[in-house]
Amino acid sequence: MGSEGKFVTLRLEENFSTRSNLLGKIHQIGHCKLLIVLGRWSMMNARGNADWLGTGSRRHVSSAFRFSSALAVILMAIAPAFAENGASASAVERMSTPGHEADELARRVGKWSVVNTIWPTPGAQPIVMTGLVAERTMIGPFMQEVMRPAPGSKMPDFQRIAYLSYDRVEGRWKYVSMDTRFPAGIMPAWSFGGEEDGKISLLFQPLGFVGFGPEVEGRFTASDFVISRDGDNHEVAEQHFLQANGSGKKWLAVRYDYTRQQP
């Protein structure tokens, strides 16, 4: 057999192998459009092989073309059954479907009045900021919160933007915030598991905190973020600091007290 004949044989073996693998994996696909595309691809691929080989060699691929045609018919015939079978949905489709956690987040949508309290150091007198408003909206499964001074407030303008969502794949909450009042950058946080006793407990990625004094401290600071609800109209978020200063003492550093605004 010449080199051309060997190449033709190899091409046919690859075609049959590919189509056999497709049949073996059909039950794993479960998507109507994908099955139809695969079926059409099988027919077009076989036709392409025949055209490439030339008139004298087309008889070598006639069986492959017949197989491809039959496979295409089978794929398009069973596609509706896969589409109607909920158990065949892909992992992406299942995990993208909003769960109980997303429904709970959606209940928090709306405008909230906020009181922000800060304790710069352990035992320090609190700095209380009133006249803040937070507006919450849902972007798919993510709850977006934009906090700023309420209209008419005498407080300097700022924005604190945060996103909260539940990762169904990893089984934990994820949070990220950014605050134009502090040079802390983007602050991501994660929980270890789901909500417990009405609380979502997150841990921020540690950062070099600038400090509240005249000089840049840049001290390594670890912090948590615990969100507690006592109904649909009130919740509290508290952040504790733990600094790398040898004391091993943590303290309540930040609190956000939310009260839902009535329509």
Protein backbone atom coordinates (compact mmCIF):
# COMPACT_ATOMS: atom_id res chain seq x y z
CA MET A 1 0.00 0.00 0.00
CA GLY A 2 1.39 3.43 -0.96
CA SER A 3 1.80 6.33 1.40
CA GLU A 4 -1.42 7.90 0.10
CA GLY A 5 -3.36 4.72 0.78
CA LYS A 6 -1.97 4.48 4.32
CA PHE A 7 -2.99 8.08 5.00
CA VAL A 8 -6.52 7.42 3.70
CA THR A 9 -6.83 4.35 5.93
CA LEU A 10 -5.61 6.31 8.95
CA ARG A 11 -8.08 9.11 8.20
CA LEU A 12 -10.96 6.62 8.06
CA GLU A 13 -9.88 4.94 11.32
CA GLU A 14 -9.82 8.34 13.02
CA ASN A 15 -13.31 9.10 11.70
CA PHE A 16 -14.73 5.83 12.98
CA SER A 17 -12.96 6.22 16.34
CA THR A 18 -14.28 9.76 16.78
CA ARG A 19 -17.85 8.74 15.99
CA SER A 20 -17.68 5.72 18.32
CA ASN A 21 -16.51 7.97 21.13
CA LEU A 22 -19.40 10.34 20.42
CA LEU A 23 -21.93 7.54 20.72
CA GLY A 24 -20.37 6.44 23.99
CA LYS A 25 -20.62 9.92 25.46
CA ILE A 26 -24.05 11.01 24.24
CA HIS A 27 -25.63 10.35 27.62
CA GLN A 28 -23.20 12.81 29.25
CA ILE A 29 -24.04 15.81 27.03
CA GLY A 30 -27.70 16.53 27.72
CA HIS A 31 -27.97 19.67 25.60
CA CYS A 32 -30.27 19.82 22.59
CA LYS A 33 -28.35 22.36 20.52
CA LEU A 34 -25.01 20.67 21.09
CA LEU A 35 -26.36 17.31 19.95
CA ILE A 36 -27.76 18.80 16.76
CA VAL A 37 -24.47 20.57 16.03
CA LEU A 38 -22.56 17.32 16.54
CA GLY A 39 -24.90 15.51 14.19
CA ARG A 40 -24.51 18.12 11.47
CA TRP A 41 -20.74 18.16 12.00
CA SER A 42 -20.62 14.38 11.47
CA MET A 43 -22.33 14.66 8.09
CA MET A 44 -20.25 17.63 6.92
CA ASN A 45 -16.99 16.06 8.08
CA ALA A 46 -17.65 12.89 6.12
CA ARG A 47 -18.56 14.89 3.00
CA GLY A 48 -15.33 16.88 3.41
CA ASN A 49 -13.31 13.67 3.56
CA ALA A 50 -14.91 12.42 0.36
CA ASP A 51 -14.25 15.67 -1.49
CA TRP A 52 -10.63 15.73 -0.31
CA LEU A 53 -9.92 12.19 -1.45
CA GLY A 54 -11.04 12.76 -5.02
CA THR A 55 -13.32 10.83 -7.35
CA GLY A 56 -11.24 7.71 -7.52
CA SER A 57 -11.06 7.21 -3.76
CA ARG A 58 -14.59 8.20 -2.67
CA ARG A 59 -15.71 4.58 -2.52
CA HIS A 60 -13.34 4.16 0.48
CA VAL A 61 -15.35 6.60 2.59
CA SER A 62 -18.88 5.64 1.50
CA SER A 63 -19.35 3.52 4.60
CA ALA A 64 -18.06 6.37 6.78
CA PHE A 65 -20.55 8.76 5.19
CA ARG A 66 -23.42 6.33 5.73
CA PHE A 67 -22.37 5.98 9.38
CA SER A 68 -22.20 9.77 9.74
CA SER A 69 -25.64 10.22 8.23
CA ALA A 70 -27.15 7.63 10.52
CA LEU A 71 -25.42 9.18 13.53
CA ALA A 72 -26.77 12.61 12.62
CA VAL A 73 -30.32 11.26 12.43
CA ILE A 74 -29.95 9.53 15.80
CA LEU A 75 -28.50 12.61 17.49
CA MET A 76 -31.23 14.94 16.21
CA ALA A 77 -33.93 12.43 17.10
CA ILE A 78 -32.88 11.99 20.72
CA ALA A 79 -31.97 15.65 21.34
CA PRO A 80 -35.49 16.67 22.48
CA ALA A 81 -35.52 13.83 25.00
CA PHE A 82 -32.28 15.07 26.54
CA ALA A 83 -33.54 18.65 26.59
CA GLU A 84 -36.73 17.64 28.40
CA ASN A 85 -34.91 15.50 30.96
CA GLY A 86 -34.01 17.76 33.90
CA ALA A 87 -31.46 15.27 35.21
CA SER A 88 -29.38 15.74 32.06
CA ALA A 89 -28.76 19.46 32.65
CA SER A 90 -25.09 20.35 32.63
CA ALA A 91 -23.23 21.16 35.83
CA VAL A 92 -22.99 24.79 34.72
CA GLU A 93 -26.76 24.98 34.29
CA ARG A 94 -27.47 23.35 37.64
CA MET A 95 -24.99 25.45 39.61
CA SER A 96 -26.10 28.66 37.87
CA THR A 97 -29.70 28.19 38.97
CA PRO A 98 -30.39 30.50 41.95
CA GLY A 99 -30.72 28.56 45.18
CA HIS A 100 -32.19 29.33 48.59
CA GLU A 101 -29.29 31.65 49.42
CA ALA A 102 -29.91 33.83 46.35
CA ASP A 103 -33.59 34.02 47.25
CA GLU A 104 -32.66 35.24 50.72
CA LEU A 105 -30.38 37.88 49.26
CA ALA A 106 -33.17 39.09 46.99
CA ARG A 107 -35.28 39.79 50.08
CA ARG A 108 -32.71 42.41 51.12
CA VAL A 109 -33.14 44.49 47.98
CA GLY A 110 -34.13 48.10 48.63
CA LYS A 111 -32.93 51.22 50.43
CA TRP A 112 -31.52 51.10 53.95
CA SER A 113 -30.56 53.77 56.45
CA VAL A 114 -27.10 53.08 57.88
CA VAL A 115 -25.22 54.11 61.03
CA ASN A 116 -21.47 53.48 60.71
CA THR A 117 -19.42 53.29 63.93
CA ILE A 118 -15.61 53.04 64.02
CA TRP A 119 -13.28 52.24 66.95
CA PRO A 120 -9.75 53.17 65.73
CA THR A 121 -7.97 51.31 68.56
CA PRO A 122 -9.01 48.97 71.39
CA GLY A 123 -10.99 50.93 73.97
CA ALA A 124 -11.06 54.14 71.88
CA GLN A 125 -14.06 56.43 71.83
CA PRO A 126 -16.30 55.50 68.91
CA ILE A 127 -16.61 57.66 65.81
CA VAL A 128 -20.29 57.59 64.83
CA MET A 129 -21.42 58.50 61.31
CA THR A 130 -25.14 58.90 60.67
CA GLY A 131 -27.03 60.08 57.63
CA LEU A 132 -25.86 57.24 55.40
CA VAL A 133 -27.95 55.31 52.92
CA ALA A 134 -27.31 51.96 51.24
CA GLU A 135 -29.10 50.85 48.10
CA ARG A 136 -29.18 47.13 47.37
CA THR A 137 -29.93 45.51 44.03
CA MET A 138 -29.51 42.03 42.56
CA ILE A 139 -27.23 41.38 39.59
CA GLY A 140 -28.00 37.76 38.81
CA PRO A 141 -27.09 35.85 42.02
CA PHE A 142 -24.98 38.73 43.35
CA MET A 143 -26.30 41.35 45.76
CA GLN A 144 -24.77 44.74 45.07
CA GLU A 145 -24.72 47.35 47.82
CA VAL A 146 -23.79 50.99 47.22
CA MET A 147 -23.42 53.07 50.38
CA ARG A 148 -23.08 56.86 50.33
CA PRO A 149 -24.18 59.94 52.29
CA ALA A 150 -27.93 60.48 52.13
CA PRO A 151 -29.17 63.44 50.08
CA GLY A 152 -28.78 66.63 52.11
CA SER A 153 -26.18 65.12 54.42
CA LYS A 154 -23.28 67.36 55.49
CA MET A 155 -20.86 64.43 55.37
CA PRO A 156 -18.15 64.47 52.66
CA ASP A 157 -19.18 62.44 49.66
CA PHE A 158 -17.93 58.85 49.37
CA GLN A 159 -18.99 55.47 48.03
CA ARG A 160 -18.64 52.07 49.57
CA ILE A 161 -19.50 49.34 47.08
CA ALA A 162 -19.87 45.71 48.12
CA TYR A 163 -20.97 42.44 46.56
CA LEU A 164 -22.23 39.37 48.42
CA SER A 165 -23.05 35.98 46.91
CA TYR A 166 -23.16 32.28 47.72
CA ASP A 167 -20.92 30.02 45.66
CA ARG A 168 -22.94 26.83 45.18
CA VAL A 169 -19.96 24.94 43.81
CA GLU A 170 -17.67 25.70 46.76
CA GLY A 171 -20.45 25.77 49.36
CA ARG A 172 -19.45 29.08 50.92
CA TRP A 173 -20.20 32.80 50.87
CA LYS A 174 -18.02 35.29 49.02
CA TYR A 175 -17.82 39.01 49.61
CA VAL A 176 -15.85 41.91 48.21
CA SER A 177 -15.88 45.59 49.15
CA MET A 178 -14.18 48.83 48.15
CA ASP A 179 -14.43 52.08 50.08
CA THR A 180 -13.30 55.44 48.72
CA ARG A 181 -12.74 56.69 52.30
CA PHE A 182 -9.75 54.40 52.92
CA PRO A 183 -6.69 53.44 50.80
CA ALA A 184 -7.33 49.74 51.40
CA GLY A 185 -7.87 48.69 47.79
CA ILE A 186 -10.29 45.93 46.89
CA MET A 187 -11.03 43.78 49.95
CA PRO A 188 -12.17 40.17 49.27
CA ALA A 189 -13.58 37.92 51.97
CA TRP A 190 -14.80 34.32 52.21
CA SER A 191 -16.77 32.21 54.66
CA PHE A 192 -16.01 28.67 55.74
CA GLY A 193 -19.33 27.07 54.93
CA GLY A 194 -22.84 28.46 54.81
CA GLU A 195 -24.95 30.65 57.04
CA GLU A 196 -25.21 29.50 60.65
CA ASP A 197 -27.76 30.70 63.22
CA GLY A 198 -28.72 33.62 61.01
CA LYS A 199 -25.11 34.77 60.65
CA ILE A 200 -22.73 34.90 57.71
CA SER A 201 -19.17 34.84 59.06
CA LEU A 202 -16.47 35.93 56.61
CA LEU A 203 -12.72 36.43 56.82
CA PHE A 204 -11.08 39.22 54.86
CA GLN A 205 -7.80 38.79 53.08
CA PRO A 206 -5.22 40.43 55.40
CA LEU A 207 -3.89 43.84 54.43
CA GLY A 208 -1.39 46.49 55.45
CA PHE A 209 -3.74 48.93 57.18
CA VAL A 210 -2.81 52.59 56.79
CA GLY A 211 -3.89 53.45 60.35
CA PHE A 212 -5.76 56.48 61.69
CA GLY A 213 -2.77 58.60 62.77
CA PRO A 214 -0.60 61.15 60.91
CA GLU A 215 1.95 58.55 59.77
CA VAL A 216 1.45 55.55 57.52
CA GLU A 217 1.48 52.43 59.69
CA GLY A 218 1.01 49.77 57.04
CA ARG A 219 0.60 47.24 59.81
CA PHE A 220 -0.42 43.71 58.88
CA THR A 221 -4.09 43.46 59.88
CA ALA A 222 -6.41 40.47 59.78
CA SER A 223 -10.14 41.04 60.09
CA ASP A 224 -13.44 39.24 59.98
CA PHE A 225 -16.89 40.41 58.87
CA VAL A 226 -19.98 38.97 60.53
CA ILE A 227 -23.41 39.79 59.09
CA SER A 228 -26.37 39.18 61.44
CA ARG A 229 -30.07 39.57 60.71
CA ASP A 230 -32.95 39.82 63.13
CA GLY A 231 -35.70 39.99 60.53
CA ASP A 232 -36.28 41.48 57.10
CA ASN A 233 -35.93 45.09 58.25
CA HIS A 234 -32.81 45.18 60.38
CA GLU A 235 -29.29 43.75 60.24
CA VAL A 236 -25.84 44.45 61.62
CA ALA A 237 -22.40 43.86 60.11
CA GLU A 238 -19.39 43.90 62.44
CA GLN A 239 -15.69 43.82 61.62
CA HIS A 240 -13.02 42.89 64.18
CA PHE A 241 -9.34 43.74 63.73
CA LEU A 242 -6.35 41.64 64.77
CA GLN A 243 -3.04 43.42 64.18
CA ALA A 244 0.47 41.99 64.05
CA ASN A 245 1.79 43.89 67.08
CA GLY A 246 2.54 41.05 69.47
CA SER A 247 -0.51 41.61 71.69
CA GLY A 248 -2.77 38.97 70.15
CA LYS A 249 -5.76 41.16 70.98
CA LYS A 250 -8.66 41.64 68.63
CA TRP A 251 -11.30 44.34 68.95
CA LEU A 252 -14.52 45.51 67.37
CA ALA A 253 -13.29 48.10 64.88
CA VAL A 254 -16.21 48.73 62.51
CA ARG A 255 -19.98 48.33 62.71
CA TYR A 256 -22.68 48.96 60.14
CA ASP A 257 -26.23 49.10 61.51
CA TYR A 258 -28.87 48.80 58.77
CA THR A 259 -32.56 49.69 59.05
CA ARG A 260 -34.78 49.25 56.02
CA GLN A 261 -36.42 52.41 54.74
CA GLN A 262 -40.16 52.11 54.36
CA PRO A 263 -41.59 52.87 50.88
